[in-house]
Amino acid sequence: MKKSTALAIAVLLPGLAYAVVVALTESVSWNTAVPAGKERRAAVAIRDNVTPFQKWGSKQFTWRYLDGYYDAARYFTQSDSNNCKQAFLSCLDTALERYAEVDLFFLAHGNYFVDWVSELPPERRGRLRLVYNTGCRDLQQGPLWLSLGAKAYVGHPGVSASPVFYFYFLRRWTRGATLQDAMDESNGLMRSTLARVEFISFGKVDATRTSQDSEAFCYGERGLQFTESGE
């Protein structure tokens, strides 16, 4: 491939990806008012070592919400040479010490970040609020996270299309829906999106089976809200 062709593809790919996402789902940019109580909230997210394009897309979408809706936020990206464990734990420990509510977002394939967090002091882990995990089959970690102190854990049961769910879920959670409502609405929108993907793929994507494997479930406080009542 000529260098000029490769450069053109590299420049156009993000725009094309944006257009496809909007066509299948909804606008990537979604302006909503920031709920009250921002000074109480912090968030930490970590992306596993995937392709550069996946890393770029995950951060471009996620960081806008974390930076805008939380008083403090950090986003880590793993690489071949750095799994970010020490930096992640140090950052999380500081957030748990300073903030009343800390949310965690694991944007990773099947993972065991729960083992990392278990190393932190028990008296601080009680400030964990929502833990969301995109990892395939990681729903089973729910009881472990609750035993560490998290108020709620959301995960997926099978080999999932969790990024589709997450695209809808993060914005609905941060705009103040209850965890149950944000999850139910996002599950429904994910099913609709997968049905469209099945149609345009001429049946190569099994929307029904993928939806069953991808449907998010919650352990813990389903009535949890981004902003506590009374704030």
Protein backbone atom coordinates (compact mmCIF):
# COMPACT_ATOMS: atom_id res chain seq x y z
CA MET A 1 0.00 0.00 0.00
CA LYS A 2 1.29 3.46 -0.91
CA LYS A 3 2.15 5.78 1.96
CA SER A 4 -0.31 8.39 0.69
CA THR A 5 -3.14 5.82 0.70
CA ALA A 6 -2.27 4.62 4.18
CA LEU A 7 -2.18 8.21 5.45
CA ALA A 8 -5.56 8.96 3.91
CA ILE A 9 -7.07 5.90 5.59
CA ALA A 10 -5.57 6.87 8.95
CA VAL A 11 -7.05 10.37 8.67
CA LEU A 12 -10.48 9.27 7.49
CA LEU A 13 -10.95 6.26 9.78
CA PRO A 14 -11.97 8.19 12.92
CA GLY A 15 -14.55 10.17 10.94
CA LEU A 16 -15.90 7.04 9.33
CA ALA A 17 -16.10 5.28 12.69
CA TYR A 18 -18.00 8.26 14.11
CA ALA A 19 -20.48 8.18 11.21
CA VAL A 20 -21.09 4.44 11.66
CA VAL A 21 -21.65 4.82 15.41
CA VAL A 22 -24.14 7.65 14.92
CA ALA A 23 -25.96 5.72 12.19
CA LEU A 24 -26.34 2.64 14.39
CA THR A 25 -26.83 4.28 17.78
CA GLU A 26 -27.06 7.96 18.72
CA SER A 27 -24.82 11.01 18.68
CA VAL A 28 -21.49 10.50 20.41
CA SER A 29 -21.73 14.01 21.86
CA TRP A 30 -24.60 14.34 24.29
CA ASN A 31 -24.76 17.53 26.30
CA THR A 32 -26.60 17.28 29.61
CA ALA A 33 -26.41 19.29 32.81
CA VAL A 34 -24.02 18.01 35.46
CA PRO A 35 -26.00 16.77 38.51
CA ALA A 36 -25.32 18.45 41.84
CA GLY A 37 -22.81 17.13 44.33
CA LYS A 38 -19.89 16.91 41.94
CA GLU A 39 -17.48 17.67 44.76
CA ARG A 40 -18.38 14.34 46.40
CA ARG A 41 -17.53 12.17 43.40
CA ALA A 42 -14.41 10.72 41.84
CA ALA A 43 -13.91 8.12 39.11
CA VAL A 44 -11.09 5.89 37.95
CA ALA A 45 -11.09 3.97 34.65
CA ILE A 46 -8.65 1.54 33.10
CA ARG A 47 -8.43 0.25 29.52
CA ASP A 48 -6.65 -3.02 28.77
CA ASN A 49 -3.96 -3.47 26.13
CA VAL A 50 -5.93 -3.59 22.87
CA THR A 51 -5.37 -2.07 19.43
CA PRO A 52 -4.39 1.63 19.23
CA PHE A 53 -7.69 2.47 17.56
CA GLN A 54 -9.68 0.80 20.35
CA LYS A 55 -7.64 2.62 22.97
CA TRP A 56 -8.23 5.92 21.21
CA GLY A 57 -11.98 5.37 20.83
CA SER A 58 -12.50 4.24 24.42
CA LYS A 59 -10.73 7.24 25.87
CA GLN A 60 -12.30 9.79 23.52
CA PHE A 61 -15.77 8.68 24.58
CA THR A 62 -15.14 7.98 28.26
CA TRP A 63 -12.95 10.88 29.28
CA ARG A 64 -15.53 13.50 28.30
CA TYR A 65 -17.94 12.12 30.90
CA LEU A 66 -15.46 11.39 33.64
CA ASP A 67 -13.79 14.78 33.40
CA GLY A 68 -17.08 16.66 33.16
CA TYR A 69 -19.21 14.85 35.72
CA TYR A 70 -16.73 13.98 38.47
CA ASP A 71 -14.69 16.31 40.63
CA ALA A 72 -11.61 14.14 40.07
CA ALA A 73 -11.02 11.49 37.43
CA ARG A 74 -8.12 9.40 36.14
CA TYR A 75 -7.93 7.20 33.06
CA PHE A 76 -5.27 4.51 32.67
CA THR A 77 -4.33 2.57 29.55
CA GLN A 78 -2.31 -0.60 29.78
CA SER A 79 0.47 -1.48 27.34
CA ASP A 80 2.85 -4.33 26.63
CA SER A 81 5.35 -2.88 29.08
CA ASN A 82 3.07 -1.48 31.79
CA ASN A 83 -0.05 -2.99 33.35
CA CYS A 84 -0.53 0.22 35.40
CA LYS A 85 -1.16 -1.70 38.62
CA GLN A 86 0.84 0.44 41.05
CA ALA A 87 -0.25 3.75 39.54
CA PHE A 88 -3.87 2.60 39.43
CA LEU A 89 -3.90 1.46 43.06
CA SER A 90 -2.15 4.59 44.27
CA CYS A 91 -4.64 6.79 42.46
CA LEU A 92 -7.63 4.79 43.68
CA ASP A 93 -6.37 4.78 47.27
CA THR A 94 -6.04 8.57 47.18
CA ALA A 95 -9.52 8.97 45.68
CA LEU A 96 -11.06 6.70 48.33
CA GLU A 97 -9.37 8.73 51.06
CA ARG A 98 -10.57 12.09 49.72
CA TYR A 99 -14.01 11.40 48.23
CA ALA A 100 -17.25 10.01 49.64
CA GLU A 101 -18.18 8.23 46.40
CA VAL A 102 -15.78 6.61 43.95
CA ASP A 103 -16.88 4.87 40.75
CA LEU A 104 -14.75 2.37 38.85
CA PHE A 105 -14.92 1.59 35.13
CA PHE A 106 -13.06 -1.44 33.81
CA LEU A 107 -12.93 -1.25 30.01
CA ALA A 108 -11.26 -4.56 29.50
CA HIS A 109 -11.71 -8.12 28.36
CA GLY A 110 -12.16 -10.78 31.05
CA ASN A 111 -10.13 -9.41 33.94
CA TYR A 112 -9.25 -9.75 37.62
CA PHE A 113 -8.91 -6.16 38.77
CA VAL A 114 -10.91 -7.26 41.79
CA ASP A 115 -7.72 -8.91 43.05
CA TRP A 116 -5.85 -5.62 42.77
CA VAL A 117 -8.47 -3.64 44.69
CA SER A 118 -8.59 -6.25 47.45
CA GLU A 119 -5.08 -5.11 48.43
CA LEU A 120 -6.34 -1.68 49.52
CA PRO A 121 -7.30 -0.94 53.15
CA PRO A 122 -10.80 -2.29 53.99
CA GLU A 123 -11.75 0.92 55.80
CA ARG A 124 -11.44 2.88 52.54
CA ARG A 125 -13.00 0.36 50.16
CA GLY A 126 -16.41 1.14 51.70
CA ARG A 127 -16.42 4.32 49.63
CA LEU A 128 -16.59 2.36 46.39
CA ARG A 129 -19.94 3.13 44.84
CA LEU A 130 -20.50 1.76 41.31
CA VAL A 131 -18.14 -0.76 39.73
CA TYR A 132 -18.81 -1.33 36.03
CA ASN A 133 -16.96 -4.06 34.13
CA THR A 134 -17.11 -4.68 30.36
CA GLY A 135 -15.24 -8.00 30.69
CA CYS A 136 -16.84 -11.07 29.13
CA ARG A 137 -18.25 -13.46 31.74
CA ASP A 138 -17.20 -11.10 34.55
CA LEU A 139 -20.72 -10.79 35.98
CA GLN A 140 -19.71 -13.60 38.35
CA GLN A 141 -17.40 -11.16 40.16
CA GLY A 142 -20.40 -9.34 41.62
CA PRO A 143 -20.39 -10.97 45.08
CA LEU A 144 -16.64 -10.38 45.38
CA TRP A 145 -17.00 -6.67 44.70
CA LEU A 146 -19.82 -6.33 47.21
CA SER A 147 -17.71 -8.12 49.81
CA LEU A 148 -14.94 -5.57 49.20
CA GLY A 149 -17.37 -2.74 49.95
CA ALA A 150 -18.83 -1.65 46.61
CA LYS A 151 -22.45 -0.48 46.69
CA ALA A 152 -23.24 -1.94 43.26
CA TYR A 153 -21.58 -3.96 40.53
CA VAL A 154 -22.69 -4.18 36.89
CA GLY A 155 -21.30 -6.81 34.53
CA HIS A 156 -22.07 -9.11 31.62
CA PRO A 157 -22.72 -12.88 31.72
CA GLY A 158 -21.25 -14.17 28.45
CA VAL A 159 -19.07 -13.35 25.47
CA SER A 160 -20.62 -9.94 25.21
CA ALA A 161 -21.01 -6.88 23.04
CA SER A 162 -20.48 -4.84 26.20
CA PRO A 163 -19.05 -1.75 24.43
CA VAL A 164 -22.48 -1.23 22.83
CA PHE A 165 -24.16 -1.33 26.24
CA TYR A 166 -21.50 0.91 27.77
CA PHE A 167 -21.98 3.53 25.03
CA TYR A 168 -25.58 3.99 26.15
CA PHE A 169 -25.06 3.32 29.84
CA LEU A 170 -22.37 5.84 30.82
CA ARG A 171 -24.32 8.88 29.66
CA ARG A 172 -27.56 7.71 31.28
CA TRP A 173 -25.85 6.94 34.56
CA THR A 174 -24.09 10.30 34.71
CA ARG A 175 -27.22 12.28 33.92
CA GLY A 176 -28.90 10.97 37.07
CA ALA A 177 -31.03 7.92 36.21
CA THR A 178 -31.26 5.22 38.83
CA LEU A 179 -28.86 2.37 38.19
CA GLN A 180 -31.78 0.06 37.36
CA ASP A 181 -33.32 2.51 34.89
CA ALA A 182 -29.99 3.30 33.23
CA MET A 183 -29.27 -0.41 32.90
CA ASP A 184 -32.74 -1.34 31.59
CA GLU A 185 -32.78 1.43 29.00
CA SER A 186 -29.25 0.66 27.85
CA ASN A 187 -30.01 -3.06 27.56
CA GLY A 188 -33.01 -2.25 25.38
CA LEU A 189 -31.07 0.11 23.15
CA MET A 190 -28.28 -2.44 22.85
CA ARG A 191 -30.77 -5.07 21.66
CA SER A 192 -32.12 -2.66 19.03
CA THR A 193 -28.62 -1.82 17.84
CA LEU A 194 -27.63 -5.47 17.57
CA ALA A 195 -30.79 -6.16 15.56
CA ARG A 196 -29.74 -3.48 13.07
CA VAL A 197 -26.25 -4.94 12.92
CA GLU A 198 -27.77 -8.38 12.22
CA PHE A 199 -29.77 -6.88 9.35
CA ILE A 200 -26.89 -5.08 7.67
CA SER A 201 -24.59 -8.10 8.16
CA PHE A 202 -27.12 -10.35 6.37
CA GLY A 203 -27.51 -12.50 9.46
CA LYS A 204 -23.83 -13.06 10.19
CA VAL A 205 -24.42 -11.49 13.61
CA ASP A 206 -26.92 -13.42 15.73
CA ALA A 207 -28.62 -10.55 17.53
CA THR A 208 -30.70 -12.73 19.85
CA ARG A 209 -27.81 -14.82 21.11
CA THR A 210 -25.44 -11.86 21.37
CA SER A 211 -28.05 -9.90 23.33
CA GLN A 212 -28.49 -12.77 25.79
CA ASP A 213 -24.74 -12.98 26.36
CA SER A 214 -24.43 -9.20 26.61
CA GLU A 215 -27.38 -8.19 28.79
CA ALA A 216 -26.04 -6.36 31.82
CA PHE A 217 -27.08 -7.39 35.33
CA CYS A 218 -26.54 -5.75 38.68
CA TYR A 219 -25.47 -6.96 42.09
CA GLY A 220 -26.17 -4.64 44.97
CA GLU A 221 -28.16 -1.41 45.16
CA ARG A 222 -30.19 -1.14 41.96
CA GLY A 223 -31.80 2.10 43.15
CA LEU A 224 -28.40 3.82 43.37
CA GLN A 225 -28.22 7.21 41.63
CA PHE A 226 -25.36 9.33 40.40
CA THR A 227 -26.56 12.04 42.77
CA GLU A 228 -27.79 10.99 46.18
CA SER A 229 -31.30 12.15 47.02
CA GLY A 230 -31.28 15.34 49.04
CA GLU A 231 -28.05 16.73 47.58
